[in-house]
């Protein structure tokens, strides 16, 4: 009886620890999803700037000299490089940090579910044991009452 009670306490503690770990993993994944959204927004903003500047530059009159042409092309290339850089950062974040956070959450969820099943199994065993102990106590009480009634009957008869 005491062993099942102790085991149940251990399983409850393990389940609580697994729940806390799962909560931290979910929070980490949510943080990384927010960061991924921020990175995608930065990439979208850079892409929009690139498109609008490219449209503006193509609408302007052609450059009058080579230096101006090189300057425009350099500006356009810097904008394109920034779009490419931000896309790479977002993709890298999605493939590494966000993927790791998602995998961590999945592992923590599985560990919590296992701890939950183990606690439930021990709880059922304890309930069965408690029910058996109760039945045994009732039988003993009935036997004791029967013994006392029989002893009283024998005493009355002998009087």
N, C-alpha and C. Protein backbone atom coordinates (compact mmCIF):
# COMPACT_ATOMS: atom_id res chain seq x y z
N UNK A 1 0.84 -1.19 0.00
CA UNK A 1 0.00 0.00 0.00
C UNK A 1 0.88 1.25 0.00
N UNK A 2 1.81 1.31 0.95
CA UNK A 2 2.70 2.47 1.04
C UNK A 2 3.56 2.60 -0.21
N UNK A 3 3.97 1.44 -0.75
CA UNK A 3 4.81 1.47 -1.95
C UNK A 3 4.05 2.06 -3.14
N UNK A 4 2.77 1.69 -3.27
CA UNK A 4 1.98 2.25 -4.37
C UNK A 4 1.76 3.75 -4.17
N UNK A 5 1.57 4.15 -2.93
CA UNK A 5 1.40 5.58 -2.65
C UNK A 5 2.68 6.34 -3.01
N UNK A 6 3.81 5.80 -2.63
CA UNK A 6 5.09 6.44 -2.96
C UNK A 6 5.33 6.46 -4.47
N UNK A 7 5.03 5.35 -5.12
CA UNK A 7 5.19 5.28 -6.57
C UNK A 7 4.25 6.27 -7.26
N UNK A 8 3.03 6.39 -6.77
CA UNK A 8 2.10 7.35 -7.34
C UNK A 8 2.62 8.77 -7.18
N UNK A 9 3.17 9.09 -6.04
CA UNK A 9 3.76 10.42 -5.83
C UNK A 9 4.90 10.68 -6.81
N UNK A 10 5.74 9.65 -7.01
CA UNK A 10 6.84 9.79 -7.97
C UNK A 10 6.32 10.03 -9.39
N UNK A 11 5.27 9.28 -9.75
CA UNK A 11 4.69 9.43 -11.10
C UNK A 11 4.04 10.81 -11.27
N UNK A 12 3.40 11.30 -10.21
CA UNK A 12 2.80 12.64 -10.27
C UNK A 12 3.89 13.69 -10.44
N UNK A 13 4.98 13.54 -9.69
CA UNK A 13 6.10 14.49 -9.82
C UNK A 13 6.68 14.44 -11.23
N UNK A 14 6.83 13.22 -11.77
CA UNK A 14 7.37 13.08 -13.13
C UNK A 14 6.43 13.71 -14.15
N UNK A 15 5.13 13.54 -13.94
CA UNK A 15 4.16 14.14 -14.86
C UNK A 15 4.21 15.67 -14.76
N UNK A 16 4.31 16.20 -13.55
CA UNK A 16 4.41 17.65 -13.37
C UNK A 16 5.67 18.20 -14.04
N UNK A 17 6.77 17.50 -13.87
CA UNK A 17 8.03 17.93 -14.50
C UNK A 17 7.90 17.89 -16.02
N UNK A 18 7.29 16.83 -16.53
CA UNK A 18 7.09 16.71 -17.98
C UNK A 18 6.16 17.82 -18.49
N UNK A 19 5.16 18.17 -17.70
CA UNK A 19 4.23 19.25 -18.09
C UNK A 19 4.99 20.58 -18.16
N UNK A 20 5.84 20.83 -17.17
CA UNK A 20 6.62 22.07 -17.16
C UNK A 20 7.57 22.12 -18.35
N UNK A 21 8.19 21.00 -18.66
CA UNK A 21 9.09 20.92 -19.81
C UNK A 21 8.31 21.18 -21.10
N UNK A 22 7.12 20.59 -21.20
CA UNK A 22 6.28 20.80 -22.37
C UNK A 22 5.88 22.28 -22.48
N UNK A 23 5.52 22.88 -21.37
CA UNK A 23 5.14 24.30 -21.39
C UNK A 23 6.30 25.17 -21.88
N UNK A 24 7.51 24.86 -21.41
CA UNK A 24 8.68 25.63 -21.86
C UNK A 24 8.94 25.40 -23.35
N UNK A 25 8.76 24.17 -23.80
CA UNK A 25 8.99 23.86 -25.22
C UNK A 25 7.96 24.56 -26.10
N UNK A 26 6.71 24.59 -25.66
CA UNK A 26 5.67 25.29 -26.43
C UNK A 26 5.99 26.78 -26.49
N UNK A 27 6.40 27.34 -25.35
CA UNK A 27 6.76 28.77 -25.33
C UNK A 27 7.93 29.06 -26.26
N UNK A 28 8.92 28.17 -26.29
CA UNK A 28 10.07 28.36 -27.17
C UNK A 28 9.64 28.30 -28.64
N UNK A 29 8.78 27.35 -28.97
CA UNK A 29 8.31 27.25 -30.35
C UNK A 29 7.52 28.50 -30.74
N UNK A 30 6.67 28.98 -29.84
CA UNK A 30 5.88 30.19 -30.14
C UNK A 30 6.81 31.38 -30.34
N UNK A 31 7.85 31.49 -29.50
CA UNK A 31 8.82 32.59 -29.67
C UNK A 31 9.50 32.50 -31.03
N UNK A 32 9.90 31.30 -31.40
CA UNK A 32 10.61 31.13 -32.68
C UNK A 32 9.68 31.33 -33.86
N UNK A 33 8.40 30.97 -33.72
CA UNK A 33 7.45 31.26 -34.79
C UNK A 33 7.27 32.77 -34.95
N UNK A 34 7.24 33.48 -33.83
CA UNK A 34 7.13 34.95 -33.89
C UNK A 34 8.38 35.53 -34.56
N UNK A 35 9.54 35.00 -34.22
CA UNK A 35 10.78 35.46 -34.85
C UNK A 35 10.78 35.15 -36.34
N UNK A 36 10.27 33.98 -36.71
CA UNK A 36 10.17 33.62 -38.13
C UNK A 36 9.24 34.59 -38.85
N UNK A 37 8.15 34.94 -38.23
CA UNK A 37 7.22 35.90 -38.84
C UNK A 37 7.89 37.26 -39.00
N UNK A 38 8.66 37.68 -37.99
CA UNK A 38 9.38 38.95 -38.07
C UNK A 38 10.40 38.92 -39.22
N UNK A 39 11.12 37.81 -39.34
CA UNK A 39 12.11 37.69 -40.42
C UNK A 39 11.43 37.72 -41.79
N UNK A 40 10.30 37.06 -41.91
CA UNK A 40 9.58 37.07 -43.19
C UNK A 40 9.05 38.47 -43.50
N UNK A 41 8.60 39.18 -42.48
CA UNK A 41 8.16 40.56 -42.70
C UNK A 41 9.31 41.44 -43.17
N UNK A 42 10.48 41.27 -42.58
CA UNK A 42 11.65 42.05 -43.00
C UNK A 42 12.01 41.72 -44.44
N UNK A 43 11.93 40.43 -44.80
CA UNK A 43 12.22 40.01 -46.16
C UNK A 43 11.20 40.61 -47.13
N UNK A 44 9.91 40.55 -46.76
CA UNK A 44 8.85 41.11 -47.61
C UNK A 44 9.05 42.61 -47.80
N UNK A 45 9.41 43.30 -46.70
CA UNK A 45 9.62 44.76 -46.78
C UNK A 45 10.80 45.06 -47.71
N UNK A 46 11.88 44.31 -47.59
CA UNK A 46 13.05 44.53 -48.46
C UNK A 46 12.69 44.23 -49.91
N UNK A 47 11.91 43.21 -50.11
CA UNK A 47 11.49 42.86 -51.48
C UNK A 47 10.61 43.95 -52.07
N UNK A 48 9.71 44.51 -51.25
CA UNK A 48 8.85 45.60 -51.73
C UNK A 48 9.68 46.83 -52.06
N UNK A 49 10.67 47.14 -51.23
CA UNK A 49 11.55 48.28 -51.51
C UNK A 49 12.31 48.04 -52.80
N UNK A 50 12.83 46.81 -52.97
CA UNK A 50 13.57 46.49 -54.19
C UNK A 50 12.69 46.69 -55.42
N UNK A 51 11.45 46.19 -55.36
CA UNK A 51 10.55 46.31 -56.52
C UNK A 51 10.20 47.78 -56.80
N UNK A 52 9.90 48.52 -55.76
CA UNK A 52 9.52 49.93 -55.98
C UNK A 52 10.71 50.74 -56.48
N UNK A 53 11.89 50.50 -55.95
CA UNK A 53 13.08 51.22 -56.41
C UNK A 53 13.46 50.81 -57.83
N UNK A 54 13.29 49.53 -58.13
CA UNK A 54 13.59 49.08 -59.50
C UNK A 54 12.62 49.74 -60.47
N UNK A 55 11.36 49.85 -60.09
CA UNK A 55 10.37 50.51 -60.95
C UNK A 55 10.69 52.00 -61.09
N UNK A 56 11.08 52.63 -59.98
CA UNK A 56 11.42 54.05 -60.01
C UNK A 56 12.63 54.30 -60.91
N UNK A 57 13.66 53.45 -60.75
CA UNK A 57 14.88 53.63 -61.57
C UNK A 57 14.60 53.39 -63.05
N UNK A 58 13.75 52.43 -63.36
CA UNK A 58 13.47 52.18 -64.77
C UNK A 58 12.57 53.27 -65.37
N UNK A 59 11.81 53.98 -64.53
CA UNK A 59 10.96 55.06 -65.02
C UNK A 59 11.75 56.35 -65.23
N UNK A 60 12.89 56.46 -64.57
CA UNK A 60 13.71 57.67 -64.73
C UNK A 60 14.40 57.64 -66.09
N UNK A 61 14.82 58.80 -66.55
CA UNK A 61 15.56 58.82 -67.82
C UNK A 61 16.88 58.05 -67.69
N UNK A 62 17.37 57.56 -68.79
CA UNK A 62 18.62 56.79 -68.80
C UNK A 62 19.75 57.65 -68.25
N UNK A 63 20.69 57.01 -67.57
CA UNK A 63 21.82 57.76 -67.02
C UNK A 63 22.61 58.44 -68.13
N UNK A 64 23.10 59.61 -67.79
CA UNK A 64 23.81 60.41 -68.80
C UNK A 64 25.27 60.03 -68.95
N UNK A 65 25.82 59.36 -67.94
CA UNK A 65 27.23 58.94 -68.06
C UNK A 65 27.43 57.59 -67.38
N UNK A 66 28.59 57.04 -67.56
CA UNK A 66 28.91 55.72 -67.02
C UNK A 66 28.90 55.67 -65.50
N UNK A 67 29.36 56.72 -64.86
CA UNK A 67 29.41 56.76 -63.39
C UNK A 67 28.00 56.69 -62.81
N UNK A 68 27.09 57.44 -63.42
CA UNK A 68 25.71 57.42 -62.94
C UNK A 68 25.09 56.05 -63.17
N UNK A 69 25.39 55.42 -64.31
CA UNK A 69 24.88 54.08 -64.62
C UNK A 69 25.43 53.08 -63.61
N UNK A 70 26.72 53.17 -63.31
CA UNK A 70 27.32 52.27 -62.32
C UNK A 70 26.71 52.48 -60.93
N UNK A 71 26.46 53.73 -60.60
CA UNK A 71 25.86 54.06 -59.31
C UNK A 71 24.47 53.44 -59.19
N UNK A 72 23.66 53.60 -60.22
CA UNK A 72 22.31 53.02 -60.21
C UNK A 72 22.37 51.50 -60.12
N UNK A 73 23.22 50.91 -60.91
CA UNK A 73 23.34 49.44 -60.92
C UNK A 73 23.84 48.94 -59.57
N UNK A 74 24.78 49.64 -58.98
CA UNK A 74 25.28 49.26 -57.66
C UNK A 74 24.19 49.34 -56.62
N UNK A 75 23.37 50.40 -56.68
CA UNK A 75 22.25 50.56 -55.74
C UNK A 75 21.26 49.41 -55.91
N UNK A 76 20.92 49.11 -57.16
CA UNK A 76 19.99 48.02 -57.44
C UNK A 76 20.54 46.68 -56.95
N UNK A 77 21.82 46.45 -57.17
CA UNK A 77 22.45 45.20 -56.72
C UNK A 77 22.48 45.10 -55.20
N UNK A 78 22.73 46.24 -54.52
CA UNK A 78 22.72 46.23 -53.04
C UNK A 78 21.32 45.89 -52.51
N UNK A 79 20.31 46.44 -53.15
CA UNK A 79 18.93 46.13 -52.73
C UNK A 79 18.61 44.65 -52.96
N UNK A 80 19.01 44.13 -54.11
CA UNK A 80 18.78 42.72 -54.41
C UNK A 80 19.55 41.83 -53.43
N UNK A 81 20.79 42.21 -53.12
CA UNK A 81 21.59 41.43 -52.17
C UNK A 81 20.94 41.42 -50.79
N UNK A 82 20.36 42.55 -50.40
CA UNK A 82 19.67 42.62 -49.10
C UNK A 82 18.45 41.69 -49.09
N UNK A 83 17.70 41.65 -50.17
CA UNK A 83 16.54 40.75 -50.28
C UNK A 83 17.02 39.30 -50.18
N UNK A 84 18.07 38.98 -50.89
CA UNK A 84 18.63 37.63 -50.88
C UNK A 84 19.15 37.26 -49.49
N UNK A 85 19.84 38.20 -48.86
CA UNK A 85 20.39 37.96 -47.51
C UNK A 85 19.26 37.69 -46.51
N UNK A 86 18.22 38.52 -46.54
CA UNK A 86 17.10 38.34 -45.60
C UNK A 86 16.34 37.04 -45.88
N UNK A 87 16.20 36.67 -47.14
CA UNK A 87 15.56 35.40 -47.48
C UNK A 87 16.37 34.23 -46.93
N UNK A 88 17.68 34.32 -47.05
CA UNK A 88 18.56 33.27 -46.52
C UNK A 88 18.48 33.17 -45.00
N UNK A 89 18.43 34.32 -44.33
CA UNK A 89 18.32 34.31 -42.87
C UNK A 89 17.01 33.66 -42.45
N UNK A 90 15.91 34.04 -43.12
CA UNK A 90 14.60 33.48 -42.78
C UNK A 90 14.57 31.97 -43.03
N UNK A 91 15.13 31.54 -44.15
CA UNK A 91 15.15 30.11 -44.47
C UNK A 91 16.03 29.34 -43.49
N UNK A 92 17.18 29.90 -43.17
CA UNK A 92 18.08 29.26 -42.21
C UNK A 92 17.41 29.15 -40.83
N UNK A 93 16.75 30.20 -40.42
CA UNK A 93 16.04 30.18 -39.13
C UNK A 93 14.96 29.11 -39.13
N UNK A 94 14.19 29.04 -40.22
CA UNK A 94 13.11 28.05 -40.33
C UNK A 94 13.68 26.64 -40.29
N UNK A 95 14.79 26.40 -40.99
CA UNK A 95 15.35 25.05 -41.08
C UNK A 95 16.14 24.62 -39.86
N UNK A 96 16.61 25.57 -39.07
CA UNK A 96 17.43 25.20 -37.91
C UNK A 96 16.72 25.48 -36.60
N UNK A 97 16.61 26.73 -36.24
CA UNK A 97 16.09 27.11 -34.92
C UNK A 97 14.62 26.74 -34.77
N UNK A 98 13.80 27.10 -35.74
CA UNK A 98 12.37 26.79 -35.65
C UNK A 98 12.14 25.29 -35.72
N UNK A 99 12.86 24.60 -36.58
CA UNK A 99 12.73 23.14 -36.67
C UNK A 99 13.13 22.48 -35.35
N UNK A 100 14.20 22.96 -34.74
CA UNK A 100 14.64 22.41 -33.45
C UNK A 100 13.60 22.67 -32.36
N UNK A 101 13.02 23.86 -32.36
CA UNK A 101 11.99 24.18 -31.37
C UNK A 101 10.76 23.29 -31.56
N UNK A 102 10.38 23.07 -32.80
CA UNK A 102 9.24 22.19 -33.08
C UNK A 102 9.53 20.75 -32.68
N UNK A 103 10.74 20.29 -32.98
CA UNK A 103 11.13 18.94 -32.59
C UNK A 103 11.19 18.81 -31.07
N UNK A 104 11.68 19.85 -30.40
CA UNK A 104 11.72 19.84 -28.94
C UNK A 104 10.33 19.77 -28.35
N UNK A 105 9.40 20.49 -28.94
CA UNK A 105 8.02 20.44 -28.46
C UNK A 105 7.43 19.05 -28.67
N UNK A 106 7.69 18.46 -29.82
CA UNK A 106 7.17 17.12 -30.11
C UNK A 106 7.72 16.11 -29.10
N UNK A 107 9.01 16.18 -28.83
CA UNK A 107 9.62 15.28 -27.86
C UNK A 107 9.06 15.50 -26.45
N UNK A 108 8.89 16.76 -26.08
CA UNK A 108 8.36 17.07 -24.75
C UNK A 108 6.91 16.60 -24.64
N UNK A 109 6.14 16.74 -25.71
CA UNK A 109 4.75 16.28 -25.70
C UNK A 109 4.69 14.76 -25.54
N UNK A 110 5.55 14.05 -26.25
CA UNK A 110 5.58 12.59 -26.13
C UNK A 110 5.99 12.17 -24.72
N UNK A 111 6.97 12.85 -24.15
CA UNK A 111 7.40 12.54 -22.79
C UNK A 111 6.29 12.81 -21.79
N UNK A 112 5.56 13.91 -21.98
CA UNK A 112 4.45 14.21 -21.09
C UNK A 112 3.36 13.16 -21.20
N UNK A 113 3.01 12.78 -22.43
CA UNK A 113 1.97 11.77 -22.63
C UNK A 113 2.38 10.44 -21.99
N UNK A 114 3.65 10.07 -22.11
CA UNK A 114 4.13 8.84 -21.48
C UNK A 114 4.04 8.95 -19.96
N UNK A 115 4.47 10.07 -19.40
CA UNK A 115 4.41 10.27 -17.94
C UNK A 115 2.96 10.24 -17.47
N UNK A 116 2.07 10.81 -18.27
CA UNK A 116 0.64 10.82 -17.93
C UNK A 116 0.08 9.40 -17.91
N UNK A 117 0.42 8.61 -18.92
CA UNK A 117 -0.05 7.21 -18.97
C UNK A 117 0.50 6.41 -17.78
N UNK A 118 1.76 6.64 -17.46
CA UNK A 118 2.37 5.92 -16.34
C UNK A 118 1.70 6.29 -15.02
N UNK A 119 1.40 7.57 -14.83
CA UNK A 119 0.72 8.00 -13.61
C UNK A 119 -0.68 7.40 -13.54
N UNK A 120 -1.40 7.39 -14.66
CA UNK A 120 -2.74 6.81 -14.67
C UNK A 120 -2.70 5.32 -14.34
N UNK A 121 -1.71 4.61 -14.87
CA UNK A 121 -1.59 3.17 -14.60
C UNK A 121 -1.37 2.92 -13.11
N UNK A 122 -0.48 3.68 -12.49
CA UNK A 122 -0.22 3.51 -11.06
C UNK A 122 -1.45 3.93 -10.25
N UNK A 123 -2.13 4.96 -10.70
CA UNK A 123 -3.34 5.41 -10.00
C UNK A 123 -4.40 4.31 -10.03
N UNK A 124 -4.57 3.63 -11.16
CA UNK A 124 -5.53 2.52 -11.25
C UNK A 124 -5.12 1.38 -10.33
N UNK A 125 -3.82 1.07 -10.30
CA UNK A 125 -3.36 0.02 -9.40
C UNK A 125 -3.65 0.39 -7.94
N UNK A 126 -3.42 1.63 -7.60
CA UNK A 126 -3.67 2.09 -6.23
C UNK A 126 -5.16 2.03 -5.91
N UNK A 127 -6.01 2.41 -6.86
CA UNK A 127 -7.45 2.33 -6.64
C UNK A 127 -7.89 0.89 -6.42
N UNK A 128 -7.36 -0.02 -7.23
CA UNK A 128 -7.69 -1.44 -7.05
C UNK A 128 -7.22 -1.93 -5.69
N UNK A 129 -6.00 -1.54 -5.33
CA UNK A 129 -5.46 -1.95 -4.03
C UNK A 129 -6.30 -1.38 -2.90
N UNK A 130 -6.70 -0.13 -3.01
CA UNK A 130 -7.55 0.48 -1.98
C UNK A 130 -8.89 -0.23 -1.89
N UNK A 131 -9.47 -0.60 -3.06
CA UNK A 131 -10.74 -1.32 -3.06
C UNK A 131 -10.59 -2.69 -2.41
N UNK A 132 -9.49 -3.38 -2.71
CA UNK A 132 -9.24 -4.69 -2.09
C UNK A 132 -9.03 -4.54 -0.59
N UNK A 133 -8.30 -3.53 -0.18
CA UNK A 133 -8.08 -3.28 1.25
C UNK A 133 -9.41 -2.99 1.95
N UNK A 134 -10.28 -2.24 1.29
CA UNK A 134 -11.58 -1.91 1.87
C UNK A 134 -12.43 -3.17 2.02
N UNK A 135 -12.44 -4.01 0.97
CA UNK A 135 -13.19 -5.27 1.04
C UNK A 135 -12.66 -6.15 2.17
N UNK A 136 -11.34 -6.23 2.28
CA UNK A 136 -10.72 -7.04 3.33
C UNK A 136 -11.09 -6.50 4.71
N UNK A 137 -11.07 -5.19 4.86
CA UNK A 137 -11.43 -4.58 6.14
C UNK A 137 -12.90 -4.85 6.46
N UNK A 138 -13.77 -4.79 5.44
CA UNK A 138 -15.19 -5.09 5.67
C UNK A 138 -15.38 -6.54 6.07
N UNK A 139 -14.67 -7.45 5.41
CA UNK A 139 -14.76 -8.88 5.77
C UNK A 139 -14.28 -9.11 7.19
N UNK A 140 -13.19 -8.45 7.55
CA UNK A 140 -12.67 -8.60 8.92
C UNK A 140 -13.66 -8.06 9.94
N UNK A 141 -14.29 -6.94 9.60
CA UNK A 141 -15.29 -6.37 10.51
C UNK A 141 -16.48 -7.31 10.63
N UNK A 142 -16.89 -7.89 9.49
CA UNK A 142 -18.00 -8.85 9.54
C UNK A 142 -17.60 -10.08 10.35
N UNK A 143 -16.40 -10.57 10.14
CA UNK A 143 -15.92 -11.73 10.90
C UNK A 143 -15.84 -11.40 12.38
N UNK A 144 -15.35 -10.22 12.71
CA UNK A 144 -15.26 -9.82 14.11
C UNK A 144 -16.65 -9.71 14.72
N UNK A 145 -17.60 -9.13 13.97
CA UNK A 145 -18.97 -9.02 14.47
C UNK A 145 -19.58 -10.39 14.64
N UNK A 146 -19.30 -11.27 13.70
CA UNK A 146 -19.82 -12.64 13.78
C UNK A 146 -19.21 -13.36 14.97
N UNK A 147 -17.90 -13.19 15.18
CA UNK A 147 -17.23 -13.82 16.33
C UNK A 147 -17.80 -13.29 17.64
N UNK A 148 -18.06 -11.99 17.70
CA UNK A 148 -18.61 -11.40 18.92
C UNK A 148 -20.04 -11.89 19.16
N UNK A 149 -20.82 -12.02 18.10
CA UNK A 149 -22.19 -12.51 18.24
C UNK A 149 -22.18 -13.96 18.69
N UNK A 150 -21.26 -14.72 18.14
CA UNK A 150 -21.17 -16.13 18.52
C UNK A 150 -20.70 -16.27 19.96
N UNK A 151 -19.74 -15.43 20.34
CA UNK A 151 -19.26 -15.47 21.72
C UNK A 151 -20.37 -15.06 22.68
N UNK A 152 -21.17 -14.08 22.32
CA UNK A 152 -22.28 -13.65 23.17
C UNK A 152 -23.31 -14.76 23.27
N UNK A 153 -23.55 -15.45 22.17
CA UNK A 153 -24.51 -16.55 22.17
C UNK A 153 -24.03 -17.68 23.06
N UNK A 154 -22.73 -17.99 22.97
CA UNK A 154 -22.16 -19.06 23.81
C UNK A 154 -22.23 -18.66 25.27
N UNK A 155 -21.98 -17.40 25.59
CA UNK A 155 -22.04 -16.94 26.98
C UNK A 155 -23.46 -17.04 27.51
N UNK A 156 -24.42 -16.68 26.71
CA UNK A 156 -25.81 -16.76 27.16
C UNK A 156 -26.24 -18.19 27.38
N UNK A 157 -25.76 -19.06 26.55
CA UNK A 157 -26.10 -20.46 26.66
C UNK A 157 -25.48 -21.06 27.91
N UNK A 158 -24.30 -20.63 28.22
CA UNK A 158 -23.59 -21.21 29.36
C UNK A 158 -24.11 -20.61 30.68
N UNK A 159 -24.85 -19.58 30.62
CA UNK A 159 -25.33 -18.98 31.86
C UNK A 159 -26.47 -19.68 32.44
